[in-house]
Amino acid sequence: MPLELHPVVESDFPDFVRIQVAAFNNGMTAYLVPRPVSEDWIEKSVDKHIKCFRAEPDCRFLKVIDTEQSGRMIAVAKWRINEKERTEEQIQPMLPVPGEEQEGNPAAQDFMWYLNRVRREFMGTKPFYFLHLLVTHPEHQRRGAGAMLVRWGIEQADKVQLPSFLEATEVGRPLYASLGFNGVHEEIFDLSKYGSQGRDRSTVMIRHPPN
């Protein structure tokens, strides 16, 4: 099989971010990336990931490479693993809040406050495996890379009998459902509020380990 799963190494993060940029191209996630994307923004995003990679031992960064394309990275994931009950103080830094980068961007602000609310409501201080990020480059979707990254986490979660949590986009929801995740909340965003058209749906999904 040409696809292989590997841990991310620090030198991977520039490509990691570029895959994010390519994948965040519709719905609410598109508002999280400035257009056009500057090299300064990419550099700051890389630095944020590296800071987490170095300083937060509960985070696991993974990649899928295509061995038939010289080991090109085509999909990436960030799992956050919390196997013990935490305090309110401990979860505060993990809850997203809009910052300077979101000033003048009401869509990004609304989306981040939504993530803050549902993560507090459905995860809170409880032990969880949390799929914080999963993106596949659009040129390589539907090849099974995303499923490989999800299975890694749920297999670990099953071993310790913990649930897994994520927020699914419209595109990702069928994959997660096929792997045992169930929707527990849906948030509908009216894109006309932000100068676009249509609606976008984000689904909070949880998978419980088999008994």
C-alpha atoms as a PDB file:
ATOM      1  CA  MET A   1       0.000   0.000   0.000  1.00  0.00           C
ATOM      2  CA  PRO A   2       1.542   3.363  -0.944  1.00  0.00           C
ATOM      3  CA  LEU A   3       0.168   5.238   2.093  1.00  0.00           C
ATOM      4  CA  GLU A   4       1.996   5.052   5.418  1.00  0.00           C
ATOM      5  CA  LEU A   5       1.296   6.573   8.841  1.00  0.00           C
ATOM      6  CA  HIS A   6       4.163   8.259  10.715  1.00  0.00           C
ATOM      7  CA  PRO A   7       4.710  10.710  13.576  1.00  0.00           C
ATOM      8  CA  VAL A   8       5.257  14.290  12.485  1.00  0.00           C
ATOM      9  CA  VAL A   9       8.774  15.641  12.981  1.00  0.00           C
ATOM     10  CA  GLU A  10       9.524  19.301  13.547  1.00  0.00           C
ATOM     11  CA  SER A  11      10.719  19.925  10.011  1.00  0.00           C
ATOM     12  CA  ASP A  12       7.292  18.812   8.706  1.00  0.00           C
ATOM     13  CA  PHE A  13       5.379  21.797  10.048  1.00  0.00           C
ATOM     14  CA  PRO A  14       5.719  24.157   7.052  1.00  0.00           C
ATOM     15  CA  ASP A  15       4.105  21.479   4.860  1.00  0.00           C
ATOM     16  CA  PHE A  16       1.653  20.682   7.669  1.00  0.00           C
ATOM     17  CA  VAL A  17       0.399  24.284   7.594  1.00  0.00           C
ATOM     18  CA  ARG A  18       0.254  24.397   3.802  1.00  0.00           C
ATOM     19  CA  ILE A  19      -2.002  21.331   3.825  1.00  0.00           C
ATOM     20  CA  GLN A  20      -4.214  23.129   6.347  1.00  0.00           C
ATOM     21  CA  VAL A  21      -4.417  26.158   4.079  1.00  0.00           C
ATOM     22  CA  ALA A  22      -5.344  24.018   1.075  1.00  0.00           C
ATOM     23  CA  ALA A  23      -7.975  22.061   3.024  1.00  0.00           C
ATOM     24  CA  PHE A  24      -9.607  25.055   4.758  1.00  0.00           C
ATOM     25  CA  ASN A  25     -11.252  26.237   1.564  1.00  0.00           C
ATOM     26  CA  ASN A  26     -14.994  26.249   2.253  1.00  0.00           C
ATOM     27  CA  GLY A  27     -17.557  26.880   4.952  1.00  0.00           C
ATOM     28  CA  MET A  28     -16.577  28.389   8.281  1.00  0.00           C
ATOM     29  CA  THR A  29     -13.049  26.962   8.237  1.00  0.00           C
ATOM     30  CA  ALA A  30     -12.269  29.134   5.205  1.00  0.00           C
ATOM     31  CA  TYR A  31     -12.575  32.182   7.453  1.00  0.00           C
ATOM     32  CA  LEU A  32      -9.760  30.900   9.665  1.00  0.00           C
ATOM     33  CA  VAL A  33      -7.227  31.480   6.881  1.00  0.00           C
ATOM     34  CA  PRO A  34      -6.562  34.947   5.414  1.00  0.00           C
ATOM     35  CA  ARG A  35      -6.811  35.267   1.645  1.00  0.00           C
ATOM     36  CA  PRO A  36      -4.365  35.747   0.096  1.00  0.00           C
ATOM     37  CA  VAL A  37      -2.189  33.805   2.507  1.00  0.00           C
ATOM     38  CA  SER A  38       1.019  35.609   3.406  1.00  0.00           C
ATOM     39  CA  GLU A  39       4.314  33.951   4.217  1.00  0.00           C
ATOM     40  CA  ASP A  40       4.241  35.845   7.517  1.00  0.00           C
ATOM     41  CA  TRP A  41       0.938  34.180   8.444  1.00  0.00           C
ATOM     42  CA  ILE A  42       2.306  30.760   7.502  1.00  0.00           C
ATOM     43  CA  GLU A  43       5.431  31.362   9.569  1.00  0.00           C
ATOM     44  CA  LYS A  44       3.372  32.363  12.622  1.00  0.00           C
ATOM     45  CA  SER A  45       1.165  29.282  12.224  1.00  0.00           C
ATOM     46  CA  VAL A  46       4.212  27.035  11.958  1.00  0.00           C
ATOM     47  CA  ASP A  47       5.648  28.608  15.117  1.00  0.00           C
ATOM     48  CA  LYS A  48       2.397  27.941  17.021  1.00  0.00           C
ATOM     49  CA  HIS A  49       2.414  24.273  16.052  1.00  0.00           C
ATOM     50  CA  ILE A  50       6.082  23.901  16.951  1.00  0.00           C
ATOM     51  CA  LYS A  51       5.463  25.501  20.347  1.00  0.00           C
ATOM     52  CA  CYS A  52       2.706  22.957  21.008  1.00  0.00           C
ATOM     53  CA  PHE A  53       4.851  20.118  19.643  1.00  0.00           C
ATOM     54  CA  ARG A  54       7.675  20.977  22.035  1.00  0.00           C
ATOM     55  CA  ALA A  55       5.785  21.991  25.157  1.00  0.00           C
ATOM     56  CA  GLU A  56       2.526  19.999  25.302  1.00  0.00           C
ATOM     57  CA  PRO A  57       3.114  16.281  25.867  1.00  0.00           C
ATOM     58  CA  ASP A  58      -0.596  15.478  25.573  1.00  0.00           C
ATOM     59  CA  CYS A  59      -0.524  16.364  21.844  1.00  0.00           C
ATOM     60  CA  ARG A  60       0.298  13.835  19.121  1.00  0.00           C
ATOM     61  CA  PHE A  61       0.956  15.068  15.604  1.00  0.00           C
ATOM     62  CA  LEU A  62       0.659  12.456  12.853  1.00  0.00           C
ATOM     63  CA  LYS A  63       1.052  12.389   9.087  1.00  0.00           C
ATOM     64  CA  VAL A  64       0.249  10.128   6.183  1.00  0.00           C
ATOM     65  CA  ILE A  65       2.808   9.985   3.392  1.00  0.00           C
ATOM     66  CA  ASP A  66       2.573   8.639  -0.142  1.00  0.00           C
ATOM     67  CA  THR A  67       5.541   6.355  -0.735  1.00  0.00           C
ATOM     68  CA  GLU A  68       4.900   6.469  -4.478  1.00  0.00           C
ATOM     69  CA  GLN A  69       5.425  10.249  -4.450  1.00  0.00           C
ATOM     70  CA  SER A  70       8.809  10.316  -2.714  1.00  0.00           C
ATOM     71  CA  GLY A  71       7.241  10.253   0.728  1.00  0.00           C
ATOM     72  CA  ARG A  72       5.113  13.344   0.134  1.00  0.00           C
ATOM     73  CA  MET A  73       2.945  14.264   3.126  1.00  0.00           C
ATOM     74  CA  ILE A  74      -0.715  14.282   2.045  1.00  0.00           C
ATOM     75  CA  ALA A  75      -2.699  14.355   5.312  1.00  0.00           C
ATOM     76  CA  VAL A  76      -2.073  15.416   8.890  1.00  0.00           C
ATOM     77  CA  ALA A  77      -3.762  15.185  12.266  1.00  0.00           C
ATOM     78  CA  LYS A  78      -3.421  16.497  15.769  1.00  0.00           C
ATOM     79  CA  TRP A  79      -4.778  14.342  18.559  1.00  0.00           C
ATOM     80  CA  ARG A  80      -4.950  15.712  22.087  1.00  0.00           C
ATOM     81  CA  ILE A  81      -4.897  12.940  24.681  1.00  0.00           C
ATOM     82  CA  ASN A  82      -6.258  13.577  28.158  1.00  0.00           C
ATOM     83  CA  GLU A  83      -6.460  10.307  30.073  1.00  0.00           C
ATOM     84  CA  LYS A  84      -7.127  11.845  33.497  1.00  0.00           C
ATOM     85  CA  GLU A  85      -9.680  14.222  34.945  1.00  0.00           C
ATOM     86  CA  ARG A  86      -8.490  17.814  34.737  1.00  0.00           C
ATOM     87  CA  THR A  87      -9.296  21.017  36.602  1.00  0.00           C
ATOM     88  CA  GLU A  88     -11.045  24.072  35.201  1.00  0.00           C
ATOM     89  CA  GLU A  89      -7.728  25.890  35.349  1.00  0.00           C
ATOM     90  CA  GLN A  90      -6.038  23.164  33.312  1.00  0.00           C
ATOM     91  CA  ILE A  91      -8.603  23.223  30.499  1.00  0.00           C
ATOM     92  CA  GLN A  92      -8.691  27.006  30.130  1.00  0.00           C
ATOM     93  CA  PRO A  93      -5.578  27.234  27.883  1.00  0.00           C
ATOM     94  CA  MET A  94      -7.032  24.524  25.623  1.00  0.00           C
ATOM     95  CA  LEU A  95     -10.239  26.456  24.868  1.00  0.00           C
ATOM     96  CA  PRO A  96      -9.970  28.675  21.787  1.00  0.00           C
ATOM     97  CA  VAL A  97     -10.740  32.389  22.103  1.00  0.00           C
ATOM     98  CA  PRO A  98     -10.447  35.039  19.395  1.00  0.00           C
ATOM     99  CA  GLY A  99      -7.246  37.048  19.468  1.00  0.00           C
ATOM    100  CA  GLU A 100      -5.631  39.872  17.548  1.00  0.00           C
ATOM    101  CA  GLU A 101      -5.538  37.778  14.367  1.00  0.00           C
ATOM    102  CA  GLN A 102      -9.345  37.549  14.399  1.00  0.00           C
ATOM    103  CA  GLU A 103      -9.954  41.284  14.762  1.00  0.00           C
ATOM    104  CA  GLY A 104     -12.259  42.489  11.988  1.00  0.00           C
ATOM    105  CA  ASN A 105     -13.171  38.865  11.158  1.00  0.00           C
ATOM    106  CA  PRO A 106     -16.590  38.193  12.747  1.00  0.00           C
ATOM    107  CA  ALA A 107     -16.884  34.746  11.123  1.00  0.00           C
ATOM    108  CA  ALA A 108     -13.662  33.535  12.718  1.00  0.00           C
ATOM    109  CA  GLN A 109     -14.697  35.062  16.040  1.00  0.00           C
ATOM    110  CA  ASP A 110     -18.100  33.370  15.983  1.00  0.00           C
ATOM    111  CA  PHE A 111     -16.584  30.027  14.998  1.00  0.00           C
ATOM    112  CA  MET A 112     -13.969  30.135  17.743  1.00  0.00           C
ATOM    113  CA  TRP A 113     -16.553  31.010  20.397  1.00  0.00           C
ATOM    114  CA  TYR A 114     -18.650  28.085  19.141  1.00  0.00           C
ATOM    115  CA  LEU A 115     -15.656  25.740  19.542  1.00  0.00           C
ATOM    116  CA  ASN A 116     -15.018  27.156  23.012  1.00  0.00           C
ATOM    117  CA  ARG A 117     -18.627  26.513  24.045  1.00  0.00           C
ATOM    118  CA  VAL A 118     -19.016  22.964  22.736  1.00  0.00           C
ATOM    119  CA  ARG A 119     -15.621  21.806  23.976  1.00  0.00           C
ATOM    120  CA  ARG A 120     -16.470  23.099  27.431  1.00  0.00           C
ATOM    121  CA  GLU A 121     -19.954  21.521  27.289  1.00  0.00           C
ATOM    122  CA  PHE A 122     -19.138  18.101  25.843  1.00  0.00           C
ATOM    123  CA  MET A 123     -15.554  17.513  27.018  1.00  0.00           C
ATOM    124  CA  GLY A 124     -15.078  19.856  29.939  1.00  0.00           C
ATOM    125  CA  THR A 125     -12.690  18.398  32.476  1.00  0.00           C
ATOM    126  CA  LYS A 126     -13.418  14.752  31.611  1.00  0.00           C
ATOM    127  CA  PRO A 127     -10.835  12.324  30.195  1.00  0.00           C
ATOM    128  CA  PHE A 128     -11.074  12.252  26.409  1.00  0.00           C
ATOM    129  CA  TYR A 129      -9.230  11.563  23.185  1.00  0.00           C
ATOM    130  CA  PHE A 130      -9.774  14.695  21.128  1.00  0.00           C
ATOM    131  CA  LEU A 131      -9.212  14.893  17.371  1.00  0.00           C
ATOM    132  CA  HIS A 132      -8.227  18.536  17.366  1.00  0.00           C
ATOM    133  CA  LEU A 133      -7.350  18.707  13.686  1.00  0.00           C
ATOM    134  CA  LEU A 134      -7.554  16.443  10.646  1.00  0.00           C
ATOM    135  CA  VAL A 135      -6.894  17.699   7.129  1.00  0.00           C
ATOM    136  CA  THR A 136      -6.138  15.973   3.850  1.00  0.00           C
ATOM    137  CA  HIS A 137      -4.808  17.851   0.858  1.00  0.00           C
ATOM    138  CA  PRO A 138      -7.714  18.231  -1.606  1.00  0.00           C
ATOM    139  CA  GLU A 139      -5.725  16.467  -4.332  1.00  0.00           C
ATOM    140  CA  HIS A 140      -5.524  13.339  -2.169  1.00  0.00           C
ATOM    141  CA  GLN A 141      -8.955  13.059  -0.601  1.00  0.00           C
ATOM    142  CA  ARG A 142     -10.869   9.761  -0.640  1.00  0.00           C
ATOM    143  CA  ARG A 143      -7.716   7.661  -0.666  1.00  0.00           C
ATOM    144  CA  GLY A 144      -8.037   6.490   2.944  1.00  0.00           C
ATOM    145  CA  ALA A 145      -5.473   8.810   4.534  1.00  0.00           C
ATOM    146  CA  GLY A 146      -8.003  10.470   6.817  1.00  0.00           C
ATOM    147  CA  ALA A 147      -9.329   7.117   7.994  1.00  0.00           C
ATOM    148  CA  MET A 148      -5.794   6.009   8.893  1.00  0.00           C
ATOM    149  CA  LEU A 149      -5.327   9.083  11.085  1.00  0.00           C
ATOM    150  CA  VAL A 150      -8.684   8.641  12.802  1.00  0.00           C
ATOM    151  CA  ARG A 151      -8.190   4.920  13.427  1.00  0.00           C
ATOM    152  CA  TRP A 152      -4.873   5.577  15.159  1.00  0.00           C
ATOM    153  CA  GLY A 153      -6.622   7.642  17.807  1.00  0.00           C
ATOM    154  CA  ILE A 154      -9.706   5.522  18.332  1.00  0.00           C
ATOM    155  CA  GLU A 155      -7.609   2.373  18.674  1.00  0.00           C
ATOM    156  CA  GLN A 156      -5.614   4.084  21.438  1.00  0.00           C
ATOM    157  CA  ALA A 157      -8.821   5.329  23.070  1.00  0.00           C
ATOM    158  CA  ASP A 158     -10.373   1.853  23.001  1.00  0.00           C
ATOM    159  CA  LYS A 159      -7.361   0.400  24.818  1.00  0.00           C
ATOM    160  CA  VAL A 160      -7.964   2.706  27.782  1.00  0.00           C
ATOM    161  CA  GLN A 161     -11.771   2.682  27.409  1.00  0.00           C
ATOM    162  CA  LEU A 162     -12.153   6.404  26.786  1.00  0.00           C
ATOM    163  CA  PRO A 163     -14.463   8.249  24.389  1.00  0.00           C
ATOM    164  CA  SER A 164     -13.232  10.273  21.431  1.00  0.00           C
ATOM    165  CA  PHE A 165     -14.480  13.758  20.562  1.00  0.00           C
ATOM    166  CA  LEU A 166     -14.350  15.947  17.443  1.00  0.00           C
ATOM    167  CA  GLU A 167     -16.134  18.680  15.508  1.00  0.00           C
ATOM    168  CA  ALA A 168     -16.947  17.538  11.976  1.00  0.00           C
ATOM    169  CA  THR A 169     -17.280  19.593   8.835  1.00  0.00           C
ATOM    170  CA  GLU A 170     -19.844  18.703   6.186  1.00  0.00           C
ATOM    171  CA  VAL A 171     -17.100  16.928   4.222  1.00  0.00           C
ATOM    172  CA  GLY A 172     -15.696  14.977   7.141  1.00  0.00           C
ATOM    173  CA  ARG A 173     -18.895  13.857   8.832  1.00  0.00           C
ATOM    174  CA  PRO A 174     -19.512  10.705   6.684  1.00  0.00           C
ATOM    175  CA  LEU A 175     -16.005   9.420   7.418  1.00  0.00           C
ATOM    176  CA  TYR A 176     -16.392   9.878  11.165  1.00  0.00           C
ATOM    177  CA  ALA A 177     -19.836   8.285  11.150  1.00  0.00           C
ATOM    178  CA  SER A 178     -18.431   5.241   9.327  1.00  0.00           C
ATOM    179  CA  LEU A 179     -15.865   4.850  12.125  1.00  0.00           C
ATOM    180  CA  GLY A 180     -18.411   4.874  14.932  1.00  0.00           C
ATOM    181  CA  PHE A 181     -18.808   8.556  15.816  1.00  0.00           C
ATOM    182  CA  ASN A 182     -22.313   9.799  16.566  1.00  0.00           C
ATOM    183  CA  GLY A 183     -23.545  13.367  16.297  1.00  0.00           C
ATOM    184  CA  VAL A 184     -24.559  14.951  19.606  1.00  0.00           C
ATOM    185  CA  HIS A 185     -25.003  18.572  18.494  1.00  0.00           C
ATOM    186  CA  GLU A 186     -25.289  20.492  15.233  1.00  0.00           C
ATOM    187  CA  GLU A 187     -24.498  24.167  14.761  1.00  0.00           C
ATOM    188  CA  ILE A 188     -25.771  25.909  11.646  1.00  0.00           C
ATOM    189  CA  PHE A 189     -23.967  29.020  10.425  1.00  0.00           C
ATOM    190  CA  ASP A 190     -25.685  31.443   8.040  1.00  0.00           C
ATOM    191  CA  LEU A 191     -22.855  32.430   5.700  1.00  0.00           C
ATOM    192  CA  SER A 192     -24.779  35.431   4.390  1.00  0.00           C
ATOM    193  CA  LYS A 193     -24.006  37.049   7.740  1.00  0.00           C
ATOM    194  CA  TYR A 194     -20.359  37.106   6.659  1.00  0.00           C
ATOM    195  CA  GLY A 195     -20.846  38.227   3.067  1.00  0.00           C
ATOM    196  CA  SER A 196     -21.012  34.768   1.500  1.00  0.00           C
ATOM    197  CA  GLN A 197     -23.908  32.505   0.506  1.00  0.00           C
ATOM    198  CA  GLY A 198     -25.623  29.433   1.883  1.00  0.00           C
ATOM    199  CA  ARG A 199     -25.265  27.719   5.220  1.00  0.00           C
ATOM    200  CA  ASP A 200     -22.558  25.645   6.842  1.00  0.00           C
ATOM    201  CA  ARG A 201     -22.989  22.937   9.460  1.00  0.00           C
ATOM    202  CA  SER A 202     -20.564  21.811  12.130  1.00  0.00           C
ATOM    203  CA  THR A 203     -21.378  18.623  14.007  1.00  0.00           C
ATOM    204  CA  VAL A 204     -20.072  17.695  17.436  1.00  0.00           C
ATOM    205  CA  MET A 205     -19.426  13.949  17.338  1.00  0.00           C
ATOM    206  CA  ILE A 206     -18.470  11.480  20.057  1.00  0.00           C
ATOM    207  CA  ARG A 207     -17.416   7.848  19.768  1.00  0.00           C
ATOM    208  CA  HIS A 208     -17.629   5.617  22.826  1.00  0.00           C
ATOM    209  CA  PRO A 209     -15.399   2.536  23.140  1.00  0.00           C
ATOM    210  CA  PRO A 210     -17.051  -0.852  22.677  1.00  0.00           C
ATOM    211  CA  ASN A 211     -17.961  -2.641  25.895  1.00  0.00           C
END
